[in-house]
Amino acid sequence: MKKKSDAYLKVVEWSEEDQCYIGTCPGLMFGGVHGHSEDKVYKELCQAVEEWIEDSEKEGIPLPEATAGRNYSGKFVLRVGEESHKALTIRALQKGESLNSYCKKVLEKGAV
């Protein structure tokens, strides 16, 4: 049976800084859970998300849009300052690329 919490993306990742696993649910709740077992952190995170949803509903707080299972168009608008826009355009021209192509490469290189 599908639970309401299934609509929200849950992320468990290793933190070098904290030397443990950190579980978060971006877009739904701030903070998260942590521990030394990836499986336990995921289970605790799922429980925390369930409780967050229950509390929000009891208090009449609307839940945000679902974050899991979404389809993405591949397009988004990014606003930057005039100086950043100018610098990125110049750099793209220096590379012989369009601004879109250059920014896509920069984002993909730094995103993962």
PDB file of N, CA and C in Angstrom:
ATOM      1  N   MET A   1       0.844  -1.182   0.000  1.00  0.00           N
ATOM      2  CA  MET A   1       0.000   0.000   0.000  1.00  0.00           C
ATOM      3  C   MET A   1       0.891   1.247   0.000  1.00  0.00           C
ATOM      4  N   LYS A   2       0.575   2.166  -0.870  1.00  0.00           N
ATOM      5  CA  LYS A   2       1.362   3.396  -0.984  1.00  0.00           C
ATOM      6  C   LYS A   2       1.060   4.322   0.188  1.00  0.00           C
ATOM      7  N   LYS A   3       2.134   4.848   0.791  1.00  0.00           N
ATOM      8  CA  LYS A   3       1.998   5.795   1.891  1.00  0.00           C
ATOM      9  C   LYS A   3       2.203   7.209   1.350  1.00  0.00           C
ATOM     10  N   LYS A   4       1.695   8.184   2.068  1.00  0.00           N
ATOM     11  CA  LYS A   4       1.876   9.578   1.647  1.00  0.00           C
ATOM     12  C   LYS A   4       3.350   9.948   1.576  1.00  0.00           C
ATOM     13  N   SER A   5       4.149   9.344   2.446  1.00  0.00           N
ATOM     14  CA  SER A   5       5.579   9.653   2.470  1.00  0.00           C
ATOM     15  C   SER A   5       6.298   9.172   1.205  1.00  0.00           C
ATOM     16  N   ASP A   6       5.678   8.233   0.472  1.00  0.00           N
ATOM     17  CA  ASP A   6       6.285   7.747  -0.768  1.00  0.00           C
ATOM     18  C   ASP A   6       6.378   8.837  -1.832  1.00  0.00           C
ATOM     19  N   ALA A   7       5.629   9.908  -1.654  1.00  0.00           N
ATOM     20  CA  ALA A   7       5.630  11.006  -2.623  1.00  0.00           C
ATOM     21  C   ALA A   7       6.839  11.928  -2.459  1.00  0.00           C
ATOM     22  N   TYR A   8       7.662  11.681  -1.439  1.00  0.00           N
ATOM     23  CA  TYR A   8       8.773  12.581  -1.154  1.00  0.00           C
ATOM     24  C   TYR A   8      10.114  11.864  -1.264  1.00  0.00           C
ATOM     25  N   LEU A   9      11.018  12.503  -1.974  1.00  0.00           N
ATOM     26  CA  LEU A   9      12.364  11.998  -2.178  1.00  0.00           C
ATOM     27  C   LEU A   9      13.106  11.932  -0.846  1.00  0.00           C
ATOM     28  N   LYS A  10      13.739  10.804  -0.600  1.00  0.00           N
ATOM     29  CA  LYS A  10      14.545  10.627   0.611  1.00  0.00           C
ATOM     30  C   LYS A  10      15.974  10.321   0.180  1.00  0.00           C
ATOM     31  N   VAL A  11      16.930  11.014   0.775  1.00  0.00           N
ATOM     32  CA  VAL A  11      18.334  10.862   0.391  1.00  0.00           C
ATOM     33  C   VAL A  11      19.143  10.467   1.615  1.00  0.00           C
ATOM     34  N   VAL A  12      19.930   9.404   1.467  1.00  0.00           N
ATOM     35  CA  VAL A  12      20.873   8.995   2.511  1.00  0.00           C
ATOM     36  C   VAL A  12      22.248   8.998   1.862  1.00  0.00           C
ATOM     37  N   GLU A  13      23.167   9.771   2.439  1.00  0.00           N
ATOM     38  CA  GLU A  13      24.518   9.848   1.879  1.00  0.00           C
ATOM     39  C   GLU A  13      25.550   9.945   2.982  1.00  0.00           C
ATOM     40  N   TRP A  14      26.755   9.516   2.661  1.00  0.00           N
ATOM     41  CA  TRP A  14      27.851   9.546   3.604  1.00  0.00           C
ATOM     42  C   TRP A  14      28.380  10.972   3.717  1.00  0.00           C
ATOM     43  N   SER A  15      28.641  11.416   4.937  1.00  0.00           N
ATOM     44  CA  SER A  15      29.217  12.741   5.179  1.00  0.00           C
ATOM     45  C   SER A  15      30.640  12.559   5.700  1.00  0.00           C
ATOM     46  N   GLU A  16      31.607  12.981   4.911  1.00  0.00           N
ATOM     47  CA  GLU A  16      33.010  12.930   5.360  1.00  0.00           C
ATOM     48  C   GLU A  16      33.198  13.822   6.580  1.00  0.00           C
ATOM     49  N   GLU A  17      32.567  14.973   6.541  1.00  0.00           N
ATOM     50  CA  GLU A  17      32.707  15.937   7.638  1.00  0.00           C
ATOM     51  C   GLU A  17      32.212  15.353   8.963  1.00  0.00           C
ATOM     52  N   ASP A  18      31.053  14.694   8.936  1.00  0.00           N
ATOM     53  CA  ASP A  18      30.452  14.155  10.161  1.00  0.00           C
ATOM     54  C   ASP A  18      30.844  12.703  10.434  1.00  0.00           C
ATOM     55  N   GLN A  19      31.450  12.061   9.446  1.00  0.00           N
ATOM     56  CA  GLN A  19      31.839  10.655   9.545  1.00  0.00           C
ATOM     57  C   GLN A  19      30.668   9.744   9.893  1.00  0.00           C
ATOM     58  N   CYS A  20      29.542   9.993   9.225  1.00  0.00           N
ATOM     59  CA  CYS A  20      28.361   9.152   9.399  1.00  0.00           C
ATOM     60  C   CYS A  20      27.427   9.374   8.214  1.00  0.00           C
ATOM     61  N   TYR A  21      26.384   8.565   8.154  1.00  0.00           N
ATOM     62  CA  TYR A  21      25.365   8.734   7.123  1.00  0.00           C
ATOM     63  C   TYR A  21      24.387   9.811   7.562  1.00  0.00           C
ATOM     64  N   ILE A  22      23.972  10.618   6.602  1.00  0.00           N
ATOM     65  CA  ILE A  22      23.001  11.684   6.846  1.00  0.00           C
ATOM     66  C   ILE A  22      21.791  11.412   5.948  1.00  0.00           C
ATOM     67  N   GLY A  23      20.615  11.398   6.550  1.00  0.00           N
ATOM     68  CA  GLY A  23      19.382  11.196   5.794  1.00  0.00           C
ATOM     69  C   GLY A  23      18.557  12.467   5.792  1.00  0.00           C
ATOM     70  N   THR A  24      18.144  12.902   4.607  1.00  0.00           N
ATOM     71  CA  THR A  24      17.348  14.120   4.479  1.00  0.00           C
ATOM     72  C   THR A  24      16.166  13.878   3.539  1.00  0.00           C
ATOM     73  N   CYS A  25      15.200  14.758   3.630  1.00  0.00           N
ATOM     74  CA  CYS A  25      14.037  14.726   2.742  1.00  0.00           C
ATOM     75  C   CYS A  25      13.868  16.142   2.183  1.00  0.00           C
ATOM     76  N   PRO A  26      14.685  16.478   1.155  1.00  0.00           N
ATOM     77  CA  PRO A  26      14.650  17.832   0.612  1.00  0.00           C
ATOM     78  C   PRO A  26      13.272  18.188   0.075  1.00  0.00           C
ATOM     79  N   GLY A  27      12.881  19.405   0.337  1.00  0.00           N
ATOM     80  CA  GLY A  27      11.593  19.883  -0.143  1.00  0.00           C
ATOM     81  C   GLY A  27      10.455  19.657   0.825  1.00  0.00           C
ATOM     82  N   LEU A  28      10.662  18.805   1.835  1.00  0.00           N
ATOM     83  CA  LEU A  28       9.589  18.546   2.793  1.00  0.00           C
ATOM     84  C   LEU A  28       9.960  19.067   4.177  1.00  0.00           C
ATOM     85  N   MET A  29      11.130  18.668   4.680  1.00  0.00           N
ATOM     86  CA  MET A  29      11.490  19.041   6.046  1.00  0.00           C
ATOM     87  C   MET A  29      12.947  19.466   6.113  1.00  0.00           C
ATOM     88  N   PHE A  30      13.222  20.362   7.015  1.00  0.00           N
ATOM     89  CA  PHE A  30      14.598  20.782   7.255  1.00  0.00           C
ATOM     90  C   PHE A  30      15.222  19.802   8.230  1.00  0.00           C
ATOM     91  N   GLY A  31      16.532  19.687   8.170  1.00  0.00           N
ATOM     92  CA  GLY A  31      17.203  18.753   9.064  1.00  0.00           C
ATOM     93  C   GLY A  31      17.065  17.340   8.556  1.00  0.00           C
ATOM     94  N   GLY A  32      17.366  16.408   9.420  1.00  0.00           N
ATOM     95  CA  GLY A  32      17.292  15.017   9.018  1.00  0.00           C
ATOM     96  C   GLY A  32      17.731  14.119  10.151  1.00  0.00           C
ATOM     97  N   VAL A  33      18.207  12.947   9.794  1.00  0.00           N
ATOM     98  CA  VAL A  33      18.672  11.976  10.776  1.00  0.00           C
ATOM     99  C   VAL A  33      20.087  11.555  10.405  1.00  0.00           C
ATOM    100  N   HIS A  34      20.805  11.007  11.367  1.00  0.00           N
ATOM    101  CA  HIS A  34      22.166  10.573  11.084  1.00  0.00           C
ATOM    102  C   HIS A  34      22.506   9.320  11.894  1.00  0.00           C
ATOM    103  N   GLY A  35      23.495   8.598  11.436  1.00  0.00           N
ATOM    104  CA  GLY A  35      23.932   7.409  12.139  1.00  0.00           C
ATOM    105  C   GLY A  35      24.994   6.672  11.343  1.00  0.00           C
ATOM    106  N   HIS A  36      25.470   5.562  11.884  1.00  0.00           N
ATOM    107  CA  HIS A  36      26.574   4.834  11.259  1.00  0.00           C
ATOM    108  C   HIS A  36      26.123   3.670  10.389  1.00  0.00           C
ATOM    109  N   SER A  37      24.826   3.386  10.370  1.00  0.00           N
ATOM    110  CA  SER A  37      24.280   2.329   9.521  1.00  0.00           C
ATOM    111  C   SER A  37      23.374   2.964   8.474  1.00  0.00           C
ATOM    112  N   GLU A  38      23.712   2.767   7.209  1.00  0.00           N
ATOM    113  CA  GLU A  38      22.919   3.348   6.130  1.00  0.00           C
ATOM    114  C   GLU A  38      21.469   2.869   6.192  1.00  0.00           C
ATOM    115  N   ASP A  39      21.287   1.571   6.437  1.00  0.00           N
ATOM    116  CA  ASP A  39      19.928   1.011   6.519  1.00  0.00           C
ATOM    117  C   ASP A  39      19.133   1.618   7.667  1.00  0.00           C
ATOM    118  N   LYS A  40      19.754   1.745   8.836  1.00  0.00           N
ATOM    119  CA  LYS A  40      19.054   2.313   9.994  1.00  0.00           C
ATOM    120  C   LYS A  40      18.705   3.775   9.751  1.00  0.00           C
ATOM    121  N   VAL A  41      19.627   4.504   9.144  1.00  0.00           N
ATOM    122  CA  VAL A  41      19.363   5.918   8.854  1.00  0.00           C
ATOM    123  C   VAL A  41      18.178   6.034   7.905  1.00  0.00           C
ATOM    124  N   TYR A  42      18.122   5.166   6.894  1.00  0.00           N
ATOM    125  CA  TYR A  42      16.992   5.220   5.952  1.00  0.00           C
ATOM    126  C   TYR A  42      15.674   4.908   6.666  1.00  0.00           C
ATOM    127  N   LYS A  43      15.679   3.895   7.510  1.00  0.00           N
ATOM    128  CA  LYS A  43      14.450   3.540   8.248  1.00  0.00           C
ATOM    129  C   LYS A  43      14.014   4.679   9.166  1.00  0.00           C
ATOM    130  N   GLU A  44      14.984   5.293   9.866  1.00  0.00           N
ATOM    131  CA  GLU A  44      14.660   6.422  10.745  1.00  0.00           C
ATOM    132  C   GLU A  44      14.147   7.605   9.936  1.00  0.00           C
ATOM    133  N   LEU A  45      14.743   7.814   8.774  1.00  0.00           N
ATOM    134  CA  LEU A  45      14.312   8.913   7.912  1.00  0.00           C
ATOM    135  C   LEU A  45      12.871   8.692   7.455  1.00  0.00           C
ATOM    136  N   CYS A  46      12.546   7.484   7.049  1.00  0.00           N
ATOM    137  CA  CYS A  46      11.178   7.179   6.614  1.00  0.00           C
ATOM    138  C   CYS A  46      10.188   7.434   7.745  1.00  0.00           C
ATOM    139  N   GLN A  47      10.556   7.039   8.953  1.00  0.00           N
ATOM    140  CA  GLN A  47       9.697   7.263  10.119  1.00  0.00           C
ATOM    141  C   GLN A  47       9.532   8.768  10.391  1.00  0.00           C
ATOM    142  N   ALA A  48      10.638   9.493  10.306  1.00  0.00           N
ATOM    143  CA  ALA A  48      10.593  10.939  10.541  1.00  0.00           C
ATOM    144  C   ALA A  48       9.701  11.633   9.517  1.00  0.00           C
ATOM    145  N   VAL A  49       9.776  11.202   8.273  1.00  0.00           N
ATOM    146  CA  VAL A  49       8.942  11.792   7.221  1.00  0.00           C
ATOM    147  C   VAL A  49       7.469  11.486   7.491  1.00  0.00           C
ATOM    148  N   GLU A  50       7.168  10.241   7.877  1.00  0.00           N
ATOM    149  CA  GLU A  50       5.786   9.880   8.210  1.00  0.00           C
ATOM    150  C   GLU A  50       5.259  10.781   9.332  1.00  0.00           C
ATOM    151  N   GLU A  51       6.056  10.961  10.376  1.00  0.00           N
ATOM    152  CA  GLU A  51       5.651  11.787  11.513  1.00  0.00           C
ATOM    153  C   GLU A  51       5.481  13.244  11.093  1.00  0.00           C
ATOM    154  N   TRP A  52       6.369  13.733  10.238  1.00  0.00           N
ATOM    155  CA  TRP A  52       6.288  15.114   9.753  1.00  0.00           C
ATOM    156  C   TRP A  52       4.970  15.326   9.017  1.00  0.00           C
ATOM    157  N   ILE A  53       4.619  14.385   8.169  1.00  0.00           N
ATOM    158  CA  ILE A  53       3.377  14.482   7.402  1.00  0.00           C
ATOM    159  C   ILE A  53       2.162  14.436   8.338  1.00  0.00           C
ATOM    160  N   GLU A  54       2.164  13.508   9.280  1.00  0.00           N
ATOM    161  CA  GLU A  54       1.057  13.396  10.240  1.00  0.00           C
ATOM    162  C   GLU A  54       0.891  14.688  11.031  1.00  0.00           C
ATOM    163  N   ASP A  55       2.011  15.237  11.536  1.00  0.00           N
ATOM    164  CA  ASP A  55       1.956  16.481  12.313  1.00  0.00           C
ATOM    165  C   ASP A  55       1.449  17.645  11.467  1.00  0.00           C
ATOM    166  N   SER A  56       1.917  17.718  10.229  1.00  0.00           N
ATOM    167  CA  SER A  56       1.487  18.801   9.335  1.00  0.00           C
ATOM    168  C   SER A  56      -0.011  18.725   9.089  1.00  0.00           C
ATOM    169  N   GLU A  57      -0.513  17.510   8.856  1.00  0.00           N
ATOM    170  CA  GLU A  57      -1.945  17.345   8.611  1.00  0.00           C
ATOM    171  C   GLU A  57      -2.777  17.676   9.849  1.00  0.00           C
ATOM    172  N   LYS A  58      -2.308  17.268  11.025  1.00  0.00           N
ATOM    173  CA  LYS A  58      -3.023  17.573  12.271  1.00  0.00           C
ATOM    174  C   LYS A  58      -3.107  19.073  12.503  1.00  0.00           C
ATOM    175  N   GLU A  59      -2.030  19.794  12.148  1.00  0.00           N
ATOM    176  CA  GLU A  59      -1.974  21.236  12.370  1.00  0.00           C
ATOM    177  C   GLU A  59      -2.560  22.026  11.199  1.00  0.00           C
ATOM    178  N   GLY A  60      -3.028  21.322  10.181  1.00  0.00           N
ATOM    179  CA  GLY A  60      -3.627  21.996   9.027  1.00  0.00           C
ATOM    180  C   GLY A  60      -2.614  22.690   8.138  1.00  0.00           C
ATOM    181  N   ILE A  61      -1.376  22.276   8.212  1.00  0.00           N
ATOM    182  CA  ILE A  61      -0.327  22.858   7.376  1.00  0.00           C
ATOM    183  C   ILE A  61      -0.300  22.109   6.047  1.00  0.00           C
ATOM    184  N   PRO A  62      -0.478  22.812   4.936  1.00  0.00           N
ATOM    185  CA  PRO A  62      -0.479  22.126   3.649  1.00  0.00           C
ATOM    186  C   PRO A  62       0.893  21.517   3.335  1.00  0.00           C
ATOM    187  N   LEU A  63       0.882  20.338   2.749  1.00  0.00           N
ATOM    188  CA  LEU A  63       2.119  19.672   2.373  1.00  0.00           C
ATOM    189  C   LEU A  63       2.643  20.257   1.062  1.00  0.00           C
ATOM    190  N   PRO A  64       3.954  20.324   0.921  1.00  0.00           N
ATOM    191  CA  PRO A  64       4.511  20.822  -0.339  1.00  0.00           C
ATOM    192  C   PRO A  64       4.296  19.816  -1.470  1.00  0.00           C
ATOM    193  N   GLU A  65       4.548  20.256  -2.671  1.00  0.00           N
ATOM    194  CA  GLU A  65       4.436  19.408  -3.849  1.00  0.00           C
ATOM    195  C   GLU A  65       5.356  18.197  -3.713  1.00  0.00           C
ATOM    196  N   ALA A  66       4.919  17.074  -4.227  1.00  0.00           N
ATOM    197  CA  ALA A  66       5.710  15.841  -4.173  1.00  0.00           C
ATOM    198  C   ALA A  66       7.068  16.043  -4.844  1.00  0.00           C
ATOM    199  N   THR A  67       8.092  15.364  -4.309  1.00  0.00           N
ATOM    200  CA  THR A  67       9.435  15.470  -4.874  1.00  0.00           C
ATOM    201  C   THR A  67       9.916  14.166  -5.487  1.00  0.00           C
ATOM    202  N   ALA A  68       9.228  13.059  -5.226  1.00  0.00           N
ATOM    203  CA  ALA A  68       9.616  11.760  -5.789  1.00  0.00           C
ATOM    204  C   ALA A  68       8.797  11.461  -7.031  1.00  0.00           C
ATOM    205  N   GLY A  69       9.410  10.792  -7.982  1.00  0.00           N
ATOM    206  CA  GLY A  69       8.695  10.362  -9.175  1.00  0.00           C
ATOM    207  C   GLY A  69       8.302  11.471 -10.123  1.00  0.00           C
ATOM    208  N   ARG A  70       8.908  12.624  -9.976  1.00  0.00           N
ATOM    209  CA  ARG A  70       8.575  13.750 -10.856  1.00  0.00           C
ATOM    210  C   ARG A  70       9.247  13.595 -12.214  1.00  0.00           C
ATOM    211  N   ASN A  71       8.644  14.154 -13.213  1.00  0.00           N
ATOM    212  CA  ASN A  71       9.268  14.246 -14.528  1.00  0.00           C
ATOM    213  C   ASN A  71       9.847  15.650 -14.667  1.00  0.00           C
ATOM    214  N   TYR A  72      10.993  15.740 -15.298  1.00  0.00           N
ATOM    215  CA  TYR A  72      11.654  17.030 -15.462  1.00  0.00           C
ATOM    216  C   TYR A  72      11.771  17.362 -16.939  1.00  0.00           C
ATOM    217  N   SER A  73      11.498  18.615 -17.276  1.00  0.00           N
ATOM    218  CA  SER A  73      11.505  19.051 -18.675  1.00  0.00           C
ATOM    219  C   SER A  73      12.913  19.240 -19.214  1.00  0.00           C
ATOM    220  N   GLY A  74      13.878  19.435 -18.320  1.00  0.00           N
ATOM    221  CA  GLY A  74      15.230  19.718 -18.778  1.00  0.00           C
ATOM    222  C   GLY A  74      15.468  21.206 -18.979  1.00  0.00           C
ATOM    223  N   LYS A  75      14.489  22.015 -18.604  1.00  0.00           N
ATOM    224  CA  LYS A  75      14.606  23.470 -18.753  1.00  0.00           C
ATOM    225  C   LYS A  75      14.314  24.134 -17.410  1.00  0.00           C
ATOM    226  N   PHE A  76      15.077  25.171 -17.096  1.00  0.00           N
ATOM    227  CA  PHE A  76      14.772  26.009 -15.944  1.00  0.00           C
ATOM    228  C   PHE A  76      15.408  27.370 -16.165  1.00  0.00           C
ATOM    229  N   VAL A  77      14.859  28.357 -15.528  1.00  0.00           N
ATOM    230  CA  VAL A  77      15.372  29.720 -15.648  1.00  0.00           C
ATOM    231  C   VAL A  77      16.289  29.978 -14.457  1.00  0.00           C
ATOM    232  N   LEU A  78      17.464  30.484 -14.759  1.00  0.00           N
ATOM    233  CA  LEU A  78      18.441  30.801 -13.727  1.00  0.00           C
ATOM    234  C   LEU A  78      18.751  32.290 -13.799  1.00  0.00           C
ATOM    235  N   ARG A  79      18.510  32.985 -12.708  1.00  0.00           N
ATOM    236  CA  ARG A  79      18.799  34.411 -12.677  1.00  0.00           C
ATOM    237  C   ARG A  79      20.133  34.641 -11.971  1.00  0.00           C
ATOM    238  N   VAL A  80      21.004  35.375 -12.647  1.00  0.00           N
ATOM    239  CA  VAL A  80      22.306  35.733 -12.079  1.00  0.00           C
ATOM    240  C   VAL A  80      22.479  37.235 -12.244  1.00  0.00           C
ATOM    241  N   GLY A  81      23.419  37.787 -11.537  1.00  0.00           N
ATOM    242  CA  GLY A  81      23.685  39.217 -11.662  1.00  0.00           C
ATOM    243  C   GLY A  81      24.246  39.564 -13.033  1.00  0.00           C
ATOM    244  N   GLU A  82      24.194  40.835 -13.366  1.00  0.00           N
ATOM    245  CA  GLU A  82      24.667  41.301 -14.672  1.00  0.00           C
ATOM    246  C   GLU A  82      26.133  40.955 -14.903  1.00  0.00           C
ATOM    247  N   GLU A  83      26.956  41.111 -13.887  1.00  0.00           N
ATOM    248  CA  GLU A  83      28.390  40.825 -14.036  1.00  0.00           C
ATOM    249  C   GLU A  83      28.635  39.344 -14.286  1.00  0.00           C
ATOM    250  N   SER A  84      27.894  38.472 -13.587  1.00  0.00           N
ATOM    251  CA  SER A  84      28.037  37.037 -13.812  1.00  0.00           C
ATOM    252  C   SER A  84      27.577  36.670 -15.216  1.00  0.00           C
ATOM    253  N   HIS A  85      26.478  37.272 -15.653  1.00  0.00           N
ATOM    254  CA  HIS A  85      25.959  37.025 -16.991  1.00  0.00           C
ATOM    255  C   HIS A  85      27.016  37.411 -18.036  1.00  0.00           C
ATOM    256  N   LYS A  86      27.595  38.565 -17.843  1.00  0.00           N
ATOM    257  CA  LYS A  86      28.614  39.056 -18.774  1.00  0.00           C
ATOM    258  C   LYS A  86      29.829  38.122 -18.777  1.00  0.00           C
ATOM    259  N   ALA A  87      30.315  37.756 -17.602  1.00  0.00           N
ATOM    260  CA  ALA A  87      31.497  36.893 -17.494  1.00  0.00           C
ATOM    261  C   ALA A  87      31.247  35.523 -18.124  1.00  0.00           C
ATOM    262  N   LEU A  88      30.074  34.956 -17.885  1.00  0.00           N
ATOM    263  CA  LEU A  88      29.739  33.652 -18.466  1.00  0.00           C
ATOM    264  C   LEU A  88      29.641  33.732 -19.989  1.00  0.00           C
ATOM    265  N   THR A  89      29.051  34.811 -20.486  1.00  0.00           N
ATOM    266  CA  THR A  89      28.929  34.989 -21.931  1.00  0.00           C
ATOM    267  C   THR A  89      30.302  35.104 -22.573  1.00  0.00           C
ATOM    268  N   ILE A  90      31.181  35.894 -21.975  1.00  0.00           N
ATOM    269  CA  ILE A  90      32.537  36.054 -22.511  1.00  0.00           C
ATOM    270  C   ILE A  90      33.279  34.725 -22.514  1.00  0.00           C
ATOM    271  N   ARG A  91      33.167  33.988 -21.409  1.00  0.00           N
ATOM    272  CA  ARG A  91      33.848  32.688 -21.306  1.00  0.00           C
ATOM    273  C   ARG A  91      33.309  31.719 -22.358  1.00  0.00           C
ATOM    274  N   ALA A  92      31.999  31.718 -22.569  1.00  0.00           N
ATOM    275  CA  ALA A  92      31.397  30.849 -23.582  1.00  0.00           C
ATOM    276  C   ALA A  92      31.909  31.216 -24.972  1.00  0.00           C
ATOM    277  N   LEU A  93      31.966  32.510 -25.261  1.00  0.00           N
ATOM    278  CA  LEU A  93      32.475  32.966 -26.554  1.00  0.00           C
ATOM    279  C   LEU A  93      33.931  32.551 -26.736  1.00  0.00           C
ATOM    280  N   GLN A  94      34.723  32.657 -25.677  1.00  0.00           N
ATOM    281  CA  GLN A  94      36.130  32.245 -25.742  1.00  0.00           C
ATOM    282  C   GLN A  94      36.271  30.756 -26.052  1.00  0.00           C
ATOM    283  N   LYS A  95      35.312  29.973 -25.597  1.00  0.00           N
ATOM    284  CA  LYS A  95      35.327  28.517 -25.827  1.00  0.00           C
ATOM    285  C   LYS A  95      34.662  28.153 -27.156  1.00  0.00           C
ATOM    286  N   GLY A  96      34.058  29.158 -27.828  1.00  0.00           N
ATOM    287  CA  GLY A  96      33.379  28.900 -29.086  1.00  0.00           C
ATOM    288  C   GLY A  96      32.051  28.173 -28.897  1.00  0.00           C
ATOM    289  N   GLU A  97      31.409  28.419 -27.756  1.00  0.00           N
ATOM    290  CA  GLU A  97      30.158  27.746 -27.434  1.00  0.00           C
ATOM    291  C   GLU A  97      29.052  28.769 -27.194  1.00  0.00           C
ATOM    292  N   SER A  98      27.832  28.276 -27.269  1.00  0.00           N
ATOM    293  CA  SER A  98      26.717  29.129 -26.890  1.00  0.00           C
ATOM    294  C   SER A  98      26.730  29.255 -25.364  1.00  0.00           C
ATOM    295  N   LEU A  99      26.083  30.270 -24.856  1.00  0.00           N
ATOM    296  CA  LEU A  99      25.990  30.454 -23.409  1.00  0.00           C
ATOM    297  C   LEU A  99      25.303  29.245 -22.776  1.00  0.00           C
ATOM    298  N   ASN A 100      24.227  28.765 -23.407  1.00  0.00           N
ATOM    299  CA  ASN A 100      23.492  27.614 -22.885  1.00  0.00           C
ATOM    300  C   ASN A 100      24.390  26.376 -22.808  1.00  0.00           C
ATOM    301  N   SER A 101      25.095  26.084 -23.874  1.00  0.00           N
ATOM    302  CA  SER A 101      25.963  24.905 -23.919  1.00  0.00           C
ATOM    303  C   SER A 101      27.076  25.001 -22.882  1.00  0.00           C
ATOM    304  N   TYR A 102      27.676  26.174 -22.773  1.00  0.00           N
ATOM    305  CA  TYR A 102      28.756  26.365 -21.804  1.00  0.00           C
ATOM    306  C   TYR A 102      28.244  26.181 -20.364  1.00  0.00           C
ATOM    307  N   CYS A 103      27.131  26.817 -20.045  1.00  0.00           N
ATOM    308  CA  CYS A 103      26.578  26.712 -18.679  1.00  0.00           C
ATOM    309  C   CYS A 103      26.157  25.283 -18.371  1.00  0.00           C
ATOM    310  N   LYS A 104      25.609  24.589 -19.365  1.00  0.00           N
ATOM    311  CA  LYS A 104      25.205  23.188 -19.172  1.00  0.00           C
ATOM    312  C   LYS A 104      26.426  22.351 -18.782  1.00  0.00           C
ATOM    313  N   LYS A 105      27.530  22.521 -19.478  1.00  0.00           N
ATOM    314  CA  LYS A 105      28.754  21.775 -19.170  1.00  0.00           C
ATOM    315  C   LYS A 105      29.281  22.113 -17.781  1.00  0.00           C
ATOM    316  N   VAL A 106      29.258  23.391 -17.430  1.00  0.00           N
ATOM    317  CA  VAL A 106      29.738  23.817 -16.112  1.00  0.00           C
ATOM    318  C   VAL A 106      28.863  23.219 -15.003  1.00  0.00           C
ATOM    319  N   LEU A 107      27.550  23.276 -15.188  1.00  0.00           N
ATOM    320  CA  LEU A 107      26.640  22.720 -14.201  1.00  0.00           C
ATOM    321  C   LEU A 107      26.789  21.213 -14.053  1.00  0.00           C
ATOM    322  N   GLU A 108      26.892  20.507 -15.177  1.00  0.00           N
ATOM    323  CA  GLU A 108      27.041  19.054 -15.126  1.00  0.00           C
ATOM    324  C   GLU A 108      28.349  18.652 -14.477  1.00  0.00           C
ATOM    325  N   LYS A 109      29.383  19.405 -14.721  1.00  0.00           N
ATOM    326  CA  LYS A 109      30.696  19.093 -14.127  1.00  0.00           C
ATOM    327  C   LYS A 109      30.677  19.290 -12.619  1.00  0.00           C
ATOM    328  N   GLY A 110      29.979  20.316 -12.154  1.00  0.00           N
ATOM    329  CA  GLY A 110      29.961  20.629 -10.729  1.00  0.00           C
ATOM    330  C   GLY A 110      28.805  20.032  -9.950  1.00  0.00           C
ATOM    331  N   ALA A 111      27.813  19.488 -10.646  1.00  0.00           N
ATOM    332  CA  ALA A 111      26.595  19.026  -9.968  1.00  0.00           C
ATOM    333  C   ALA A 111      26.758  17.688  -9.277  1.00  0.00           C
ATOM    334  N   VAL A 112      27.637  16.854  -9.742  1.00  0.00           N
ATOM    335  CA  VAL A 112      27.718  15.511  -9.162  1.00  0.00           C
ATOM    336  C   VAL A 112      29.089  15.267  -8.563  1.00  0.00           C
TER     337      VAL A 112
END
